[in-house]
Amino acid sequence: MSERTAASLAKLDELLVLLRALPAGPTRDTLVETTEALRRAVAAFHMEAIRFRMHSVDRLLRPLGDGRANDVFTQVRHELETAGFHTRSHAAP
């Protein structure tokens, strides 16, 4: 971990706590696994994996409608973009 990724990794850890508290099931399991993979990508500074995993977590998280988890995910995106990581494959709307 570096100073550049510390804030986003802390937010990802916060998100993982929330996700693990969701009701058990295949959707939650996939979401946790994908978020863990995103955390590894951030720790490794792997830009392409970060974009891919951010998209995947967003796609899985959005239909759950968990406001707190969505808020923390938005904070993860902000921290990554503030640190200079591109989290989208196109410009934000």
PDB file of N, CA and C in Angstrom:
ATOM      1  N   MET A   1       0.843  -1.171   0.000  1.00  0.00           N
ATOM      2  CA  MET A   1       0.000   0.000   0.000  1.00  0.00           C
ATOM      3  C   MET A   1       0.891   1.238   0.000  1.00  0.00           C
ATOM      4  N   SER A   2       0.456   2.238  -0.731  1.00  0.00           N
ATOM      5  CA  SER A   2       1.184   3.502  -0.761  1.00  0.00           C
ATOM      6  C   SER A   2       0.244   4.620  -0.310  1.00  0.00           C
ATOM      7  N   GLU A   3       0.802   5.786  -0.136  1.00  0.00           N
ATOM      8  CA  GLU A   3      -0.033   6.943   0.206  1.00  0.00           C
ATOM      9  C   GLU A   3      -1.087   7.167  -0.858  1.00  0.00           C
ATOM     10  N   ARG A   4      -0.728   6.892  -2.084  1.00  0.00           N
ATOM     11  CA  ARG A   4      -1.629   7.134  -3.212  1.00  0.00           C
ATOM     12  C   ARG A   4      -2.877   6.258  -3.154  1.00  0.00           C
ATOM     13  N   THR A   5      -2.747   5.056  -2.623  1.00  0.00           N
ATOM     14  CA  THR A   5      -3.884   4.134  -2.599  1.00  0.00           C
ATOM     15  C   THR A   5      -4.499   3.944  -1.218  1.00  0.00           C
ATOM     16  N   ALA A   6      -3.901   4.502  -0.192  1.00  0.00           N
ATOM     17  CA  ALA A   6      -4.350   4.252   1.187  1.00  0.00           C
ATOM     18  C   ALA A   6      -5.832   4.588   1.392  1.00  0.00           C
ATOM     19  N   ALA A   7      -6.272   5.744   0.933  1.00  0.00           N
ATOM     20  CA  ALA A   7      -7.662   6.156   1.158  1.00  0.00           C
ATOM     21  C   ALA A   7      -8.642   5.250   0.421  1.00  0.00           C
ATOM     22  N   SER A   8      -8.331   4.900  -0.820  1.00  0.00           N
ATOM     23  CA  SER A   8      -9.242   4.038  -1.569  1.00  0.00           C
ATOM     24  C   SER A   8      -9.268   2.620  -0.991  1.00  0.00           C
ATOM     25  N   LEU A   9      -8.128   2.124  -0.527  1.00  0.00           N
ATOM     26  CA  LEU A   9      -8.115   0.802   0.098  1.00  0.00           C
ATOM     27  C   LEU A   9      -8.914   0.803   1.397  1.00  0.00           C
ATOM     28  N   ALA A  10      -8.833   1.879   2.155  1.00  0.00           N
ATOM     29  CA  ALA A  10      -9.619   1.979   3.391  1.00  0.00           C
ATOM     30  C   ALA A  10     -11.112   1.984   3.077  1.00  0.00           C
ATOM     31  N   LYS A  11     -11.501   2.704   2.037  1.00  0.00           N
ATOM     32  CA  LYS A  11     -12.913   2.725   1.639  1.00  0.00           C
ATOM     33  C   LYS A  11     -13.355   1.365   1.114  1.00  0.00           C
ATOM     34  N   LEU A  12     -12.484   0.682   0.385  1.00  0.00           N
ATOM     35  CA  LEU A  12     -12.824  -0.663  -0.080  1.00  0.00           C
ATOM     36  C   LEU A  12     -13.005  -1.614   1.097  1.00  0.00           C
ATOM     37  N   ASP A  13     -12.178  -1.480   2.119  1.00  0.00           N
ATOM     38  CA  ASP A  13     -12.340  -2.309   3.323  1.00  0.00           C
ATOM     39  C   ASP A  13     -13.685  -2.020   3.989  1.00  0.00           C
ATOM     40  N   GLU A  14     -14.053  -0.748   4.036  1.00  0.00           N
ATOM     41  CA  GLU A  14     -15.354  -0.360   4.594  1.00  0.00           C
ATOM     42  C   GLU A  14     -16.490  -0.964   3.770  1.00  0.00           C
ATOM     43  N   LEU A  15     -16.363  -0.905   2.455  1.00  0.00           N
ATOM     44  CA  LEU A  15     -17.379  -1.481   1.572  1.00  0.00           C
ATOM     45  C   LEU A  15     -17.488  -2.987   1.763  1.00  0.00           C
ATOM     46  N   LEU A  16     -16.362  -3.655   1.887  1.00  0.00           N
ATOM     47  CA  LEU A  16     -16.389  -5.111   2.068  1.00  0.00           C
ATOM     48  C   LEU A  16     -17.110  -5.513   3.349  1.00  0.00           C
ATOM     49  N   VAL A  17     -16.944  -4.741   4.415  1.00  0.00           N
ATOM     50  CA  VAL A  17     -17.678  -5.026   5.662  1.00  0.00           C
ATOM     51  C   VAL A  17     -19.180  -4.954   5.408  1.00  0.00           C
ATOM     52  N   LEU A  18     -19.617  -3.924   4.688  1.00  0.00           N
ATOM     53  CA  LEU A  18     -21.043  -3.779   4.379  1.00  0.00           C
ATOM     54  C   LEU A  18     -21.543  -4.913   3.490  1.00  0.00           C
ATOM     55  N   LEU A  19     -20.758  -5.295   2.502  1.00  0.00           N
ATOM     56  CA  LEU A  19     -21.179  -6.333   1.574  1.00  0.00           C
ATOM     57  C   LEU A  19     -21.261  -7.697   2.260  1.00  0.00           C
ATOM     58  N   ARG A  20     -20.318  -7.977   3.132  1.00  0.00           N
ATOM     59  CA  ARG A  20     -20.339  -9.261   3.845  1.00  0.00           C
ATOM     60  C   ARG A  20     -21.527  -9.361   4.794  1.00  0.00           C
ATOM     61  N   ALA A  21     -22.101  -8.215   5.180  1.00  0.00           N
ATOM     62  CA  ALA A  21     -23.262  -8.204   6.071  1.00  0.00           C
ATOM     63  C   ALA A  21     -24.587  -8.378   5.325  1.00  0.00           C
ATOM     64  N   LEU A  22     -24.547  -8.353   3.995  1.00  0.00           N
ATOM     65  CA  LEU A  22     -25.763  -8.557   3.207  1.00  0.00           C
ATOM     66  C   LEU A  22     -26.246 -10.001   3.370  1.00  0.00           C
ATOM     67  N   PRO A  23     -27.527 -10.245   3.094  1.00  0.00           N
ATOM     68  CA  PRO A  23     -28.037 -11.619   3.191  1.00  0.00           C
ATOM     69  C   PRO A  23     -27.242 -12.568   2.281  1.00  0.00           C
ATOM     70  N   ALA A  24     -26.978 -13.744   2.815  1.00  0.00           N
ATOM     71  CA  ALA A  24     -26.198 -14.739   2.070  1.00  0.00           C
ATOM     72  C   ALA A  24     -26.899 -15.120   0.773  1.00  0.00           C
ATOM     73  N   GLY A  25     -26.085 -15.426  -0.212  1.00  0.00           N
ATOM     74  CA  GLY A  25     -26.616 -15.850  -1.497  1.00  0.00           C
ATOM     75  C   GLY A  25     -25.581 -15.672  -2.579  1.00  0.00           C
ATOM     76  N   PRO A  26     -25.875 -16.189  -3.753  1.00  0.00           N
ATOM     77  CA  PRO A  26     -24.893 -16.125  -4.839  1.00  0.00           C
ATOM     78  C   PRO A  26     -24.574 -14.705  -5.288  1.00  0.00           C
ATOM     79  N   THR A  27     -25.535 -13.798  -5.250  1.00  0.00           N
ATOM     80  CA  THR A  27     -25.272 -12.421  -5.655  1.00  0.00           C
ATOM     81  C   THR A  27     -24.294 -11.772  -4.696  1.00  0.00           C
ATOM     82  N   ARG A  28     -24.537 -11.936  -3.398  1.00  0.00           N
ATOM     83  CA  ARG A  28     -23.632 -11.368  -2.404  1.00  0.00           C
ATOM     84  C   ARG A  28     -22.244 -11.973  -2.538  1.00  0.00           C
ATOM     85  N   ASP A  29     -22.166 -13.286  -2.714  1.00  0.00           N
ATOM     86  CA  ASP A  29     -20.873 -13.951  -2.833  1.00  0.00           C
ATOM     87  C   ASP A  29     -20.085 -13.426  -4.031  1.00  0.00           C
ATOM     88  N   THR A  30     -20.756 -13.267  -5.163  1.00  0.00           N
ATOM     89  CA  THR A  30     -20.107 -12.741  -6.368  1.00  0.00           C
ATOM     90  C   THR A  30     -19.657 -11.306  -6.153  1.00  0.00           C
ATOM     91  N   LEU A  31     -20.495 -10.523  -5.497  1.00  0.00           N
ATOM     92  CA  LEU A  31     -20.168  -9.126  -5.227  1.00  0.00           C
ATOM     93  C   LEU A  31     -18.954  -9.015  -4.303  1.00  0.00           C
ATOM     94  N   VAL A  32     -18.903  -9.836  -3.274  1.00  0.00           N
ATOM     95  CA  VAL A  32     -17.758  -9.821  -2.356  1.00  0.00           C
ATOM     96  C   VAL A  32     -16.489 -10.250  -3.089  1.00  0.00           C
ATOM     97  N   GLU A  33     -16.578 -11.313  -3.873  1.00  0.00           N
ATOM     98  CA  GLU A  33     -15.403 -11.793  -4.618  1.00  0.00           C
ATOM     99  C   GLU A  33     -14.902 -10.734  -5.593  1.00  0.00           C
ATOM    100  N   THR A  34     -15.813 -10.078  -6.281  1.00  0.00           N
ATOM    101  CA  THR A  34     -15.432  -9.057  -7.255  1.00  0.00           C
ATOM    102  C   THR A  34     -14.834  -7.835  -6.560  1.00  0.00           C
ATOM    103  N   THR A  35     -15.380  -7.461  -5.427  1.00  0.00           N
ATOM    104  CA  THR A  35     -14.844  -6.329  -4.669  1.00  0.00           C
ATOM    105  C   THR A  35     -13.464  -6.664  -4.107  1.00  0.00           C
ATOM    106  N   GLU A  36     -13.263  -7.889  -3.670  1.00  0.00           N
ATOM    107  CA  GLU A  36     -11.938  -8.318  -3.214  1.00  0.00           C
ATOM    108  C   GLU A  36     -10.935  -8.254  -4.363  1.00  0.00           C
ATOM    109  N   ALA A  37     -11.371  -8.640  -5.558  1.00  0.00           N
ATOM    110  CA  ALA A  37     -10.497  -8.557  -6.734  1.00  0.00           C
ATOM    111  C   ALA A  37     -10.175  -7.100  -7.063  1.00  0.00           C
ATOM    112  N   LEU A  38     -11.152  -6.209  -6.894  1.00  0.00           N
ATOM    113  CA  LEU A  38     -10.912  -4.775  -7.093  1.00  0.00           C
ATOM    114  C   LEU A  38      -9.872  -4.280  -6.095  1.00  0.00           C
ATOM    115  N   ARG A  39      -9.981  -4.715  -4.857  1.00  0.00           N
ATOM    116  CA  ARG A  39      -9.019  -4.298  -3.835  1.00  0.00           C
ATOM    117  C   ARG A  39      -7.603  -4.736  -4.213  1.00  0.00           C
ATOM    118  N   ARG A  40      -7.478  -5.969  -4.701  1.00  0.00           N
ATOM    119  CA  ARG A  40      -6.161  -6.460  -5.134  1.00  0.00           C
ATOM    120  C   ARG A  40      -5.640  -5.632  -6.308  1.00  0.00           C
ATOM    121  N   ALA A  41      -6.512  -5.268  -7.234  1.00  0.00           N
ATOM    122  CA  ALA A  41      -6.105  -4.466  -8.387  1.00  0.00           C
ATOM    123  C   ALA A  41      -5.614  -3.083  -7.955  1.00  0.00           C
ATOM    124  N   VAL A  42      -6.309  -2.486  -7.005  1.00  0.00           N
ATOM    125  CA  VAL A  42      -5.891  -1.173  -6.500  1.00  0.00           C
ATOM    126  C   VAL A  42      -4.534  -1.292  -5.816  1.00  0.00           C
ATOM    127  N   ALA A  43      -4.379  -2.304  -4.987  1.00  0.00           N
ATOM    128  CA  ALA A  43      -3.110  -2.492  -4.275  1.00  0.00           C
ATOM    129  C   ALA A  43      -1.951  -2.715  -5.238  1.00  0.00           C
ATOM    130  N   ALA A  44      -2.249  -3.299  -6.405  1.00  0.00           N
ATOM    131  CA  ALA A  44      -1.217  -3.600  -7.396  1.00  0.00           C
ATOM    132  C   ALA A  44      -1.048  -2.483  -8.435  1.00  0.00           C
ATOM    133  N   PHE A  45      -1.815  -1.386  -8.321  1.00  0.00           N
ATOM    134  CA  PHE A  45      -1.774  -0.291  -9.311  1.00  0.00           C
ATOM    135  C   PHE A  45      -2.094  -0.792 -10.722  1.00  0.00           C
ATOM    136  N   HIS A  46      -2.981  -1.744 -10.859  1.00  0.00           N
ATOM    137  CA  HIS A  46      -3.295  -2.331 -12.160  1.00  0.00           C
ATOM    138  C   HIS A  46      -4.479  -1.587 -12.778  1.00  0.00           C
ATOM    139  N   MET A  47      -4.160  -0.600 -13.616  1.00  0.00           N
ATOM    140  CA  MET A  47      -5.169   0.308 -14.150  1.00  0.00           C
ATOM    141  C   MET A  47      -6.307  -0.384 -14.893  1.00  0.00           C
ATOM    142  N   GLU A  48      -5.976  -1.292 -15.767  1.00  0.00           N
ATOM    143  CA  GLU A  48      -7.020  -1.952 -16.554  1.00  0.00           C
ATOM    144  C   GLU A  48      -7.921  -2.796 -15.661  1.00  0.00           C
ATOM    145  N   ALA A  49      -7.338  -3.473 -14.699  1.00  0.00           N
ATOM    146  CA  ALA A  49      -8.131  -4.279 -13.770  1.00  0.00           C
ATOM    147  C   ALA A  49      -9.006  -3.392 -12.894  1.00  0.00           C
ATOM    148  N   ILE A  50      -8.505  -2.228 -12.520  1.00  0.00           N
ATOM    149  CA  ILE A  50      -9.310  -1.306 -11.716  1.00  0.00           C
ATOM    150  C   ILE A  50     -10.557  -0.898 -12.491  1.00  0.00           C
ATOM    151  N   ARG A  51     -10.383  -0.479 -13.737  1.00  0.00           N
ATOM    152  CA  ARG A  51     -11.546  -0.074 -14.550  1.00  0.00           C
ATOM    153  C   ARG A  51     -12.527  -1.225 -14.703  1.00  0.00           C
ATOM    154  N   PHE A  52     -12.020  -2.413 -15.017  1.00  0.00           N
ATOM    155  CA  PHE A  52     -12.882  -3.580 -15.225  1.00  0.00           C
ATOM    156  C   PHE A  52     -13.638  -3.931 -13.950  1.00  0.00           C
ATOM    157  N   ARG A  53     -12.927  -3.991 -12.834  1.00  0.00           N
ATOM    158  CA  ARG A  53     -13.563  -4.377 -11.571  1.00  0.00           C
ATOM    159  C   ARG A  53     -14.520  -3.303 -11.066  1.00  0.00           C
ATOM    160  N   MET A  54     -14.199  -2.034 -11.273  1.00  0.00           N
ATOM    161  CA  MET A  54     -15.122  -0.967 -10.880  1.00  0.00           C
ATOM    162  C   MET A  54     -16.440  -1.120 -11.633  1.00  0.00           C
ATOM    163  N   HIS A  55     -16.346  -1.377 -12.914  1.00  0.00           N
ATOM    164  CA  HIS A  55     -17.560  -1.580 -13.709  1.00  0.00           C
ATOM    165  C   HIS A  55     -18.343  -2.786 -13.186  1.00  0.00           C
ATOM    166  N   SER A  56     -17.647  -3.872 -12.893  1.00  0.00           N
ATOM    167  CA  SER A  56     -18.312  -5.090 -12.426  1.00  0.00           C
ATOM    168  C   SER A  56     -18.985  -4.887 -11.074  1.00  0.00           C
ATOM    169  N   VAL A  57     -18.286  -4.253 -10.140  1.00  0.00           N
ATOM    170  CA  VAL A  57     -18.875  -4.010  -8.816  1.00  0.00           C
ATOM    171  C   VAL A  57     -20.082  -3.083  -8.957  1.00  0.00           C
ATOM    172  N   ASP A  58     -19.949  -2.044  -9.739  1.00  0.00           N
ATOM    173  CA  ASP A  58     -21.060  -1.113  -9.963  1.00  0.00           C
ATOM    174  C   ASP A  58     -22.274  -1.843 -10.518  1.00  0.00           C
ATOM    175  N   ARG A  59     -22.060  -2.686 -11.504  1.00  0.00           N
ATOM    176  CA  ARG A  59     -23.139  -3.435 -12.154  1.00  0.00           C
ATOM    177  C   ARG A  59     -23.829  -4.376 -11.164  1.00  0.00           C
ATOM    178  N   LEU A  60     -23.070  -5.002 -10.275  1.00  0.00           N
ATOM    179  CA  LEU A  60     -23.637  -5.927  -9.297  1.00  0.00           C
ATOM    180  C   LEU A  60     -24.295  -5.195  -8.127  1.00  0.00           C
ATOM    181  N   LEU A  61     -23.745  -4.075  -7.745  1.00  0.00           N
ATOM    182  CA  LEU A  61     -24.209  -3.353  -6.564  1.00  0.00           C
ATOM    183  C   LEU A  61     -25.485  -2.563  -6.824  1.00  0.00           C
ATOM    184  N   ARG A  62     -25.578  -1.954  -7.964  1.00  0.00           N
ATOM    185  CA  ARG A  62     -26.700  -1.056  -8.258  1.00  0.00           C
ATOM    186  C   ARG A  62     -28.075  -1.696  -8.044  1.00  0.00           C
ATOM    187  N   PRO A  63     -28.339  -2.902  -8.557  1.00  0.00           N
ATOM    188  CA  PRO A  63     -29.684  -3.479  -8.377  1.00  0.00           C
ATOM    189  C   PRO A  63     -30.036  -3.837  -6.930  1.00  0.00           C
ATOM    190  N   LEU A  64     -29.050  -3.958  -6.057  1.00  0.00           N
ATOM    191  CA  LEU A  64     -29.335  -4.304  -4.668  1.00  0.00           C
ATOM    192  C   LEU A  64     -30.047  -3.181  -3.935  1.00  0.00           C
ATOM    193  N   GLY A  65     -29.806  -1.955  -4.363  1.00  0.00           N
ATOM    194  CA  GLY A  65     -30.474  -0.817  -3.758  1.00  0.00           C
ATOM    195  C   GLY A  65     -30.038  -0.534  -2.332  1.00  0.00           C
ATOM    196  N   ASP A  66     -28.845  -0.975  -1.952  1.00  0.00           N
ATOM    197  CA  ASP A  66     -28.326  -0.713  -0.616  1.00  0.00           C
ATOM    198  C   ASP A  66     -27.676   0.667  -0.621  1.00  0.00           C
ATOM    199  N   GLY A  67     -28.386   1.643  -0.057  1.00  0.00           N
ATOM    200  CA  GLY A  67     -27.930   3.029  -0.112  1.00  0.00           C
ATOM    201  C   GLY A  67     -26.562   3.251   0.509  1.00  0.00           C
ATOM    202  N   ARG A  68     -26.312   2.646   1.659  1.00  0.00           N
ATOM    203  CA  ARG A  68     -25.023   2.843   2.340  1.00  0.00           C
ATOM    204  C   ARG A  68     -23.891   2.270   1.493  1.00  0.00           C
ATOM    205  N   ALA A  69     -24.066   1.053   0.965  1.00  0.00           N
ATOM    206  CA  ALA A  69     -23.029   0.437   0.140  1.00  0.00           C
ATOM    207  C   ALA A  69     -22.799   1.250  -1.130  1.00  0.00           C
ATOM    208  N   ASN A  70     -23.858   1.758  -1.728  1.00  0.00           N
ATOM    209  CA  ASN A  70     -23.706   2.600  -2.924  1.00  0.00           C
ATOM    210  C   ASN A  70     -22.953   3.884  -2.601  1.00  0.00           C
ATOM    211  N   ASP A  71     -23.243   4.477  -1.441  1.00  0.00           N
ATOM    212  CA  ASP A  71     -22.534   5.694  -1.027  1.00  0.00           C
ATOM    213  C   ASP A  71     -21.044   5.431  -0.841  1.00  0.00           C
ATOM    214  N   VAL A  72     -20.717   4.322  -0.192  1.00  0.00           N
ATOM    215  CA  VAL A  72     -19.307   4.000   0.035  1.00  0.00           C
ATOM    216  C   VAL A  72     -18.623   3.697  -1.297  1.00  0.00           C
ATOM    217  N   PHE A  73     -19.317   3.018  -2.207  1.00  0.00           N
ATOM    218  CA  PHE A  73     -18.741   2.743  -3.526  1.00  0.00           C
ATOM    219  C   PHE A  73     -18.459   4.050  -4.264  1.00  0.00           C
ATOM    220  N   THR A  74     -19.352   5.010  -4.157  1.00  0.00           N
ATOM    221  CA  THR A  74     -19.128   6.326  -4.760  1.00  0.00           C
ATOM    222  C   THR A  74     -17.891   6.983  -4.155  1.00  0.00           C
ATOM    223  N   GLN A  75     -17.705   6.810  -2.862  1.00  0.00           N
ATOM    224  CA  GLN A  75     -16.515   7.345  -2.200  1.00  0.00           C
ATOM    225  C   GLN A  75     -15.246   6.636  -2.680  1.00  0.00           C
ATOM    226  N   VAL A  76     -15.338   5.324  -2.916  1.00  0.00           N
ATOM    227  CA  VAL A  76     -14.202   4.570  -3.462  1.00  0.00           C
ATOM    228  C   VAL A  76     -13.817   5.169  -4.812  1.00  0.00           C
ATOM    229  N   ARG A  77     -14.808   5.368  -5.668  1.00  0.00           N
ATOM    230  CA  ARG A  77     -14.554   5.947  -6.999  1.00  0.00           C
ATOM    231  C   ARG A  77     -13.893   7.316  -6.868  1.00  0.00           C
ATOM    232  N   HIS A  78     -14.413   8.142  -5.980  1.00  0.00           N
ATOM    233  CA  HIS A  78     -13.842   9.474  -5.774  1.00  0.00           C
ATOM    234  C   HIS A  78     -12.385   9.391  -5.325  1.00  0.00           C
ATOM    235  N   GLU A  79     -12.105   8.527  -4.359  1.00  0.00           N
ATOM    236  CA  GLU A  79     -10.730   8.392  -3.857  1.00  0.00           C
ATOM    237  C   GLU A  79      -9.784   7.913  -4.954  1.00  0.00           C
ATOM    238  N   LEU A  80     -10.230   6.972  -5.760  1.00  0.00           N
ATOM    239  CA  LEU A  80      -9.390   6.470  -6.857  1.00  0.00           C
ATOM    240  C   LEU A  80      -9.137   7.564  -7.889  1.00  0.00           C
ATOM    241  N   GLU A  81     -10.183   8.288  -8.258  1.00  0.00           N
ATOM    242  CA  GLU A  81     -10.021   9.340  -9.257  1.00  0.00           C
ATOM    243  C   GLU A  81      -9.170  10.488  -8.722  1.00  0.00           C
ATOM    244  N   THR A  82      -9.304  10.800  -7.442  1.00  0.00           N
ATOM    245  CA  THR A  82      -8.465  11.821  -6.819  1.00  0.00           C
ATOM    246  C   THR A  82      -7.003  11.408  -6.848  1.00  0.00           C
ATOM    247  N   ALA A  83      -6.753  10.104  -6.702  1.00  0.00           N
ATOM    248  CA  ALA A  83      -5.385   9.582  -6.723  1.00  0.00           C
ATOM    249  C   ALA A  83      -4.838   9.446  -8.144  1.00  0.00           C
ATOM    250  N   GLY A  84      -5.673   9.731  -9.154  1.00  0.00           N
ATOM    251  CA  GLY A  84      -5.206   9.692 -10.530  1.00  0.00           C
ATOM    252  C   GLY A  84      -5.543   8.426 -11.296  1.00  0.00           C
ATOM    253  N   PHE A  85      -6.338   7.558 -10.705  1.00  0.00           N
ATOM    254  CA  PHE A  85      -6.735   6.334 -11.400  1.00  0.00           C
ATOM    255  C   PHE A  85      -7.989   6.594 -12.220  1.00  0.00           C
ATOM    256  N   HIS A  86      -8.045   6.030 -13.403  1.00  0.00           N
ATOM    257  CA  HIS A  86      -9.232   6.126 -14.239  1.00  0.00           C
ATOM    258  C   HIS A  86     -10.141   4.963 -13.885  1.00  0.00           C
ATOM    259  N   THR A  87     -11.376   5.282 -13.496  1.00  0.00           N
ATOM    260  CA  THR A  87     -12.293   4.232 -13.058  1.00  0.00           C
ATOM    261  C   THR A  87     -13.386   3.937 -14.087  1.00  0.00           C
ATOM    262  N   ARG A  88     -13.351   4.649 -15.188  1.00  0.00           N
ATOM    263  CA  ARG A  88     -14.347   4.442 -16.236  1.00  0.00           C
ATOM    264  C   ARG A  88     -13.619   4.353 -17.575  1.00  0.00           C
ATOM    265  N   SER A  89     -14.237   3.636 -18.500  1.00  0.00           N
ATOM    266  CA  SER A  89     -13.623   3.524 -19.813  1.00  0.00           C
ATOM    267  C   SER A  89     -14.047   4.677 -20.717  1.00  0.00           C
ATOM    268  N   HIS A  90     -14.903   5.549 -20.205  1.00  0.00           N
ATOM    269  CA  HIS A  90     -15.360   6.728 -20.949  1.00  0.00           C
ATOM    270  C   HIS A  90     -15.546   7.876 -19.966  1.00  0.00           C
ATOM    271  N   ALA A  91     -15.816   9.032 -20.473  1.00  0.00           N
ATOM    272  CA  ALA A  91     -16.023  10.202 -19.606  1.00  0.00           C
ATOM    273  C   ALA A  91     -17.291  10.026 -18.794  1.00  0.00           C
ATOM    274  N   ALA A  92     -17.265  10.492 -17.571  1.00  0.00           N
ATOM    275  CA  ALA A  92     -18.443  10.414 -16.710  1.00  0.00           C
ATOM    276  C   ALA A  92     -19.553  11.287 -17.278  1.00  0.00           C
ATOM    277  N   PRO A  93     -20.811  10.862 -17.090  1.00  0.00           N
ATOM    278  CA  PRO A  93     -21.925  11.663 -17.610  1.00  0.00           C
ATOM    279  C   PRO A  93     -22.082  12.975 -16.875  1.00  0.00           C
TER     280      PRO A  93
END
